[in-house]
Amino acid sequence: MGSNNSELADAQWRKSSYSSDQGGECVEIAALPTTIAVRDSKNPHGPAIRFNPAAFSDFVRTV
């Protein structure tokens, strides 16, 4: 699990274009070698959800 945490800490995170500086429900994503990670931008050291690319596409389409 340590390498997973390191991979997330070193990731290039991007905030959703729907997020604003007004607070609220903001998410960030990071493209990793084999997965896409999603986290709450207000809690960058908290948990992240990981999706394989196909599941991430389904997630985005559904949300």
PDB file of N, CA and C in Angstrom:
ATOM      1  N   MET A   1       0.817  -1.191   0.000  1.00  0.00           N
ATOM      2  CA  MET A   1       0.000   0.000   0.000  1.00  0.00           C
ATOM      3  C   MET A   1       0.857   1.249   0.000  1.00  0.00           C
ATOM      4  N   GLY A   2       2.078   1.208   0.507  1.00  0.00           N
ATOM      5  CA  GLY A   2       2.965   2.360   0.527  1.00  0.00           C
ATOM      6  C   GLY A   2       3.238   2.906  -0.856  1.00  0.00           C
ATOM      7  N   SER A   3       3.464   2.029  -1.851  1.00  0.00           N
ATOM      8  CA  SER A   3       3.727   2.507  -3.202  1.00  0.00           C
ATOM      9  C   SER A   3       2.501   3.190  -3.782  1.00  0.00           C
ATOM     10  N   ASN A   4       1.305   2.729  -3.428  1.00  0.00           N
ATOM     11  CA  ASN A   4       0.084   3.381  -3.886  1.00  0.00           C
ATOM     12  C   ASN A   4      -0.005   4.795  -3.336  1.00  0.00           C
ATOM     13  N   ASN A   5       0.299   4.962  -2.041  1.00  0.00           N
ATOM     14  CA  ASN A   5       0.261   6.293  -1.444  1.00  0.00           C
ATOM     15  C   ASN A   5       1.301   7.190  -2.077  1.00  0.00           C
ATOM     16  N   SER A   6       2.486   6.669  -2.345  1.00  0.00           N
ATOM     17  CA  SER A   6       3.542   7.444  -2.985  1.00  0.00           C
ATOM     18  C   SER A   6       3.127   7.842  -4.391  1.00  0.00           C
ATOM     19  N   GLU A   7       2.523   6.916  -5.107  1.00  0.00           N
ATOM     20  CA  GLU A   7       2.065   7.199  -6.470  1.00  0.00           C
ATOM     21  C   GLU A   7       1.032   8.327  -6.470  1.00  0.00           C
ATOM     22  N   LEU A   8       0.130   8.314  -5.505  1.00  0.00           N
ATOM     23  CA  LEU A   8      -0.882   9.370  -5.407  1.00  0.00           C
ATOM     24  C   LEU A   8      -0.261  10.702  -5.001  1.00  0.00           C
ATOM     25  N   ALA A   9       0.709  10.666  -4.088  1.00  0.00           N
ATOM     26  CA  ALA A   9       1.355  11.901  -3.635  1.00  0.00           C
ATOM     27  C   ALA A   9       2.130  12.561  -4.769  1.00  0.00           C
ATOM     28  N   ASP A  10       2.703  11.759  -5.664  1.00  0.00           N
ATOM     29  CA  ASP A  10       3.495  12.290  -6.775  1.00  0.00           C
ATOM     30  C   ASP A  10       2.660  12.584  -8.023  1.00  0.00           C
ATOM     31  N   ALA A  11       1.378  12.286  -7.983  1.00  0.00           N
ATOM     32  CA  ALA A  11       0.513  12.433  -9.161  1.00  0.00           C
ATOM     33  C   ALA A  11       0.301  13.900  -9.524  1.00  0.00           C
ATOM     34  N   GLN A  12       0.027  14.121 -10.798  1.00  0.00           N
ATOM     35  CA  GLN A  12      -0.348  15.447 -11.300  1.00  0.00           C
ATOM     36  C   GLN A  12      -1.876  15.549 -11.221  1.00  0.00           C
ATOM     37  N   TRP A  13      -2.378  16.238 -10.207  1.00  0.00           N
ATOM     38  CA  TRP A  13      -3.811  16.349  -9.986  1.00  0.00           C
ATOM     39  C   TRP A  13      -4.370  17.541 -10.764  1.00  0.00           C
ATOM     40  N   ARG A  14      -5.570  17.366 -11.341  1.00  0.00           N
ATOM     41  CA  ARG A  14      -6.261  18.434 -12.062  1.00  0.00           C
ATOM     42  C   ARG A  14      -7.651  18.605 -11.466  1.00  0.00           C
ATOM     43  N   LYS A  15      -8.023  19.847 -11.193  1.00  0.00           N
ATOM     44  CA  LYS A  15      -9.347  20.129 -10.642  1.00  0.00           C
ATOM     45  C   LYS A  15     -10.378  20.121 -11.769  1.00  0.00           C
ATOM     46  N   SER A  16     -11.555  19.633 -11.472  1.00  0.00           N
ATOM     47  CA  SER A  16     -12.643  19.605 -12.432  1.00  0.00           C
ATOM     48  C   SER A  16     -12.946  21.015 -12.937  1.00  0.00           C
ATOM     49  N   SER A  17     -13.263  21.135 -14.214  1.00  0.00           N
ATOM     50  CA  SER A  17     -13.618  22.442 -14.781  1.00  0.00           C
ATOM     51  C   SER A  17     -14.933  22.953 -14.203  1.00  0.00           C
ATOM     52  N   TYR A  18     -15.713  22.076 -13.581  1.00  0.00           N
ATOM     53  CA  TYR A  18     -16.967  22.482 -12.948  1.00  0.00           C
ATOM     54  C   TYR A  18     -16.752  22.961 -11.516  1.00  0.00           C
ATOM     55  N   SER A  19     -15.552  22.804 -10.992  1.00  0.00           N
ATOM     56  CA  SER A  19     -15.242  23.248  -9.638  1.00  0.00           C
ATOM     57  C   SER A  19     -14.947  24.739  -9.648  1.00  0.00           C
ATOM     58  N   SER A  20     -15.201  25.372  -8.535  1.00  0.00           N
ATOM     59  CA  SER A  20     -14.914  26.807  -8.428  1.00  0.00           C
ATOM     60  C   SER A  20     -14.146  27.069  -7.144  1.00  0.00           C
ATOM     61  N   ASP A  21     -13.759  28.303  -6.938  1.00  0.00           N
ATOM     62  CA  ASP A  21     -13.060  28.679  -5.712  1.00  0.00           C
ATOM     63  C   ASP A  21     -14.041  29.013  -4.589  1.00  0.00           C
ATOM     64  N   GLN A  22     -15.317  28.766  -4.791  1.00  0.00           N
ATOM     65  CA  GLN A  22     -16.349  29.101  -3.820  1.00  0.00           C
ATOM     66  C   GLN A  22     -16.596  27.974  -2.821  1.00  0.00           C
ATOM     67  N   GLY A  23     -15.796  26.924  -2.874  1.00  0.00           N
ATOM     68  CA  GLY A  23     -16.028  25.784  -1.988  1.00  0.00           C
ATOM     69  C   GLY A  23     -17.017  24.836  -2.624  1.00  0.00           C
ATOM     70  N   GLY A  24     -17.719  24.095  -1.827  1.00  0.00           N
ATOM     71  CA  GLY A  24     -18.719  23.179  -2.365  1.00  0.00           C
ATOM     72  C   GLY A  24     -18.121  21.843  -2.750  1.00  0.00           C
ATOM     73  N   GLU A  25     -18.727  21.212  -3.725  1.00  0.00           N
ATOM     74  CA  GLU A  25     -18.357  19.860  -4.123  1.00  0.00           C
ATOM     75  C   GLU A  25     -17.357  19.898  -5.270  1.00  0.00           C
ATOM     76  N   CYS A  26     -16.089  19.838  -4.959  1.00  0.00           N
ATOM     77  CA  CYS A  26     -15.025  19.895  -5.963  1.00  0.00           C
ATOM     78  C   CYS A  26     -14.259  18.586  -5.982  1.00  0.00           C
ATOM     79  N   VAL A  27     -13.909  18.136  -7.172  1.00  0.00           N
ATOM     80  CA  VAL A  27     -13.115  16.925  -7.304  1.00  0.00           C
ATOM     81  C   VAL A  27     -11.885  17.208  -8.146  1.00  0.00           C
ATOM     82  N   GLU A  28     -10.874  16.377  -7.941  1.00  0.00           N
ATOM     83  CA  GLU A  28      -9.659  16.415  -8.742  1.00  0.00           C
ATOM     84  C   GLU A  28      -9.415  15.017  -9.279  1.00  0.00           C
ATOM     85  N   ILE A  29      -8.781  14.943 -10.445  1.00  0.00           N
ATOM     86  CA  ILE A  29      -8.431  13.645 -11.014  1.00  0.00           C
ATOM     87  C   ILE A  29      -6.940  13.615 -11.333  1.00  0.00           C
ATOM     88  N   ALA A  30      -6.392  12.418 -11.355  1.00  0.00           N
ATOM     89  CA  ALA A  30      -5.002  12.201 -11.748  1.00  0.00           C
ATOM     90  C   ALA A  30      -4.933  10.944 -12.600  1.00  0.00           C
ATOM     91  N   ALA A  31      -4.306  11.070 -13.756  1.00  0.00           N
ATOM     92  CA  ALA A  31      -4.095   9.904 -14.622  1.00  0.00           C
ATOM     93  C   ALA A  31      -2.803   9.232 -14.191  1.00  0.00           C
ATOM     94  N   LEU A  32      -2.921   8.009 -13.717  1.00  0.00           N
ATOM     95  CA  LEU A  32      -1.779   7.211 -13.281  1.00  0.00           C
ATOM     96  C   LEU A  32      -1.484   6.175 -14.366  1.00  0.00           C
ATOM     97  N   PRO A  33      -0.398   5.441 -14.258  1.00  0.00           N
ATOM     98  CA  PRO A  33      -0.045   4.499 -15.326  1.00  0.00           C
ATOM     99  C   PRO A  33      -1.143   3.506 -15.712  1.00  0.00           C
ATOM    100  N   THR A  34      -1.887   2.996 -14.734  1.00  0.00           N
ATOM    101  CA  THR A  34      -2.911   1.992 -15.074  1.00  0.00           C
ATOM    102  C   THR A  34      -4.300   2.348 -14.577  1.00  0.00           C
ATOM    103  N   THR A  35      -4.441   3.436 -13.834  1.00  0.00           N
ATOM    104  CA  THR A  35      -5.741   3.821 -13.276  1.00  0.00           C
ATOM    105  C   THR A  35      -5.923   5.328 -13.343  1.00  0.00           C
ATOM    106  N   ILE A  36      -7.162   5.749 -13.101  1.00  0.00           N
ATOM    107  CA  ILE A  36      -7.514   7.157 -12.933  1.00  0.00           C
ATOM    108  C   ILE A  36      -7.935   7.306 -11.475  1.00  0.00           C
ATOM    109  N   ALA A  37      -7.335   8.252 -10.767  1.00  0.00           N
ATOM    110  CA  ALA A  37      -7.668   8.485  -9.363  1.00  0.00           C
ATOM    111  C   ALA A  37      -8.546   9.726  -9.248  1.00  0.00           C
ATOM    112  N   VAL A  38      -9.499   9.685  -8.330  1.00  0.00           N
ATOM    113  CA  VAL A  38     -10.414  10.795  -8.078  1.00  0.00           C
ATOM    114  C   VAL A  38     -10.398  11.079  -6.581  1.00  0.00           C
ATOM    115  N   ARG A  39     -10.294  12.370  -6.214  1.00  0.00           N
ATOM    116  CA  ARG A  39     -10.296  12.733  -4.796  1.00  0.00           C
ATOM    117  C   ARG A  39     -11.063  14.035  -4.589  1.00  0.00           C
ATOM    118  N   ASP A  40     -11.411  14.283  -3.344  1.00  0.00           N
ATOM    119  CA  ASP A  40     -12.055  15.529  -2.925  1.00  0.00           C
ATOM    120  C   ASP A  40     -10.983  16.603  -2.859  1.00  0.00           C
ATOM    121  N   SER A  41     -11.143  17.687  -3.609  1.00  0.00           N
ATOM    122  CA  SER A  41     -10.105  18.721  -3.647  1.00  0.00           C
ATOM    123  C   SER A  41      -9.935  19.436  -2.314  1.00  0.00           C
ATOM    124  N   LYS A  42     -10.948  19.395  -1.465  1.00  0.00           N
ATOM    125  CA  LYS A  42     -10.849  20.025  -0.148  1.00  0.00           C
ATOM    126  C   LYS A  42     -10.098  19.154   0.851  1.00  0.00           C
ATOM    127  N   ASN A  43      -9.857  17.896   0.482  1.00  0.00           N
ATOM    128  CA  ASN A  43      -9.176  16.955   1.366  1.00  0.00           C
ATOM    129  C   ASN A  43      -8.095  16.209   0.573  1.00  0.00           C
ATOM    130  N   PRO A  44      -7.055  16.928   0.108  1.00  0.00           N
ATOM    131  CA  PRO A  44      -6.075  16.301  -0.777  1.00  0.00           C
ATOM    132  C   PRO A  44      -5.271  15.176  -0.141  1.00  0.00           C
ATOM    133  N   HIS A  45      -5.224  15.094   1.169  1.00  0.00           N
ATOM    134  CA  HIS A  45      -4.493  14.012   1.827  1.00  0.00           C
ATOM    135  C   HIS A  45      -5.418  12.879   2.256  1.00  0.00           C
ATOM    136  N   GLY A  46      -6.696  13.014   1.932  1.00  0.00           N
ATOM    137  CA  GLY A  46      -7.672  11.982   2.269  1.00  0.00           C
ATOM    138  C   GLY A  46      -7.678  10.875   1.225  1.00  0.00           C
ATOM    139  N   PRO A  47      -8.672  10.033   1.270  1.00  0.00           N
ATOM    140  CA  PRO A  47      -8.723   8.885   0.351  1.00  0.00           C
ATOM    141  C   PRO A  47      -8.995   9.309  -1.087  1.00  0.00           C
ATOM    142  N   ALA A  48      -8.603   8.455  -2.000  1.00  0.00           N
ATOM    143  CA  ALA A  48      -8.885   8.637  -3.425  1.00  0.00           C
ATOM    144  C   ALA A  48      -9.504   7.349  -3.946  1.00  0.00           C
ATOM    145  N   ILE A  49     -10.409   7.498  -4.871  1.00  0.00           N
ATOM    146  CA  ILE A  49     -11.029   6.350  -5.535  1.00  0.00           C
ATOM    147  C   ILE A  49     -10.261   6.123  -6.822  1.00  0.00           C
ATOM    148  N   ARG A  50      -9.963   4.855  -7.126  1.00  0.00           N
ATOM    149  CA  ARG A  50      -9.255   4.529  -8.367  1.00  0.00           C
ATOM    150  C   ARG A  50     -10.163   3.730  -9.295  1.00  0.00           C
ATOM    151  N   PHE A  51     -10.091   4.076 -10.565  1.00  0.00           N
ATOM    152  CA  PHE A  51     -10.864   3.399 -11.605  1.00  0.00           C
ATOM    153  C   PHE A  51      -9.921   2.935 -12.702  1.00  0.00           C
ATOM    154  N   ASN A  52     -10.227   1.794 -13.328  1.00  0.00           N
ATOM    155  CA  ASN A  52      -9.512   1.486 -14.561  1.00  0.00           C
ATOM    156  C   ASN A  52     -10.110   2.412 -15.629  1.00  0.00           C
ATOM    157  N   PRO A  53      -9.425   2.635 -16.750  1.00  0.00           N
ATOM    158  CA  PRO A  53      -9.912   3.617 -17.733  1.00  0.00           C
ATOM    159  C   PRO A  53     -11.347   3.386 -18.212  1.00  0.00           C
ATOM    160  N   ALA A  54     -11.741   2.146 -18.448  1.00  0.00           N
ATOM    161  CA  ALA A  54     -13.109   1.864 -18.908  1.00  0.00           C
ATOM    162  C   ALA A  54     -14.131   2.211 -17.826  1.00  0.00           C
ATOM    163  N   ALA A  55     -13.835   1.851 -16.588  1.00  0.00           N
ATOM    164  CA  ALA A  55     -14.752   2.161 -15.483  1.00  0.00           C
ATOM    165  C   ALA A  55     -14.835   3.663 -15.256  1.00  0.00           C
ATOM    166  N   PHE A  56     -13.722   4.379 -15.433  1.00  0.00           N
ATOM    167  CA  PHE A  56     -13.751   5.836 -15.281  1.00  0.00           C
ATOM    168  C   PHE A  56     -14.646   6.461 -16.349  1.00  0.00           C
ATOM    169  N   SER A  57     -14.551   5.986 -17.570  1.00  0.00           N
ATOM    170  CA  SER A  57     -15.434   6.483 -18.633  1.00  0.00           C
ATOM    171  C   SER A  57     -16.900   6.260 -18.277  1.00  0.00           C
ATOM    172  N   ASP A  58     -17.217   5.070 -17.766  1.00  0.00           N
ATOM    173  CA  ASP A  58     -18.584   4.787 -17.323  1.00  0.00           C
ATOM    174  C   ASP A  58     -18.999   5.714 -16.188  1.00  0.00           C
ATOM    175  N   PHE A  59     -18.105   5.944 -15.234  1.00  0.00           N
ATOM    176  CA  PHE A  59     -18.364   6.823 -14.106  1.00  0.00           C
ATOM    177  C   PHE A  59     -18.698   8.242 -14.581  1.00  0.00           C
ATOM    178  N   VAL A  60     -17.875   8.769 -15.477  1.00  0.00           N
ATOM    179  CA  VAL A  60     -18.082  10.133 -15.994  1.00  0.00           C
ATOM    180  C   VAL A  60     -19.396  10.219 -16.763  1.00  0.00           C
ATOM    181  N   ARG A  61     -19.665   9.228 -17.581  1.00  0.00           N
ATOM    182  CA  ARG A  61     -20.906   9.217 -18.338  1.00  0.00           C
ATOM    183  C   ARG A  61     -22.126   9.188 -17.412  1.00  0.00           C
ATOM    184  N   THR A  62     -22.024   8.456 -16.330  1.00  0.00           N
ATOM    185  CA  THR A  62     -23.141   8.311 -15.395  1.00  0.00           C
ATOM    186  C   THR A  62     -23.339   9.562 -14.551  1.00  0.00           C
ATOM    187  N   VAL A  63     -22.241  10.160 -14.108  1.00  0.00           N
ATOM    188  CA  VAL A  63     -22.321  11.337 -13.258  1.00  0.00           C
ATOM    189  C   VAL A  63     -22.689  12.531 -14.103  1.00  0.00           C
TER     190      VAL A  63
END
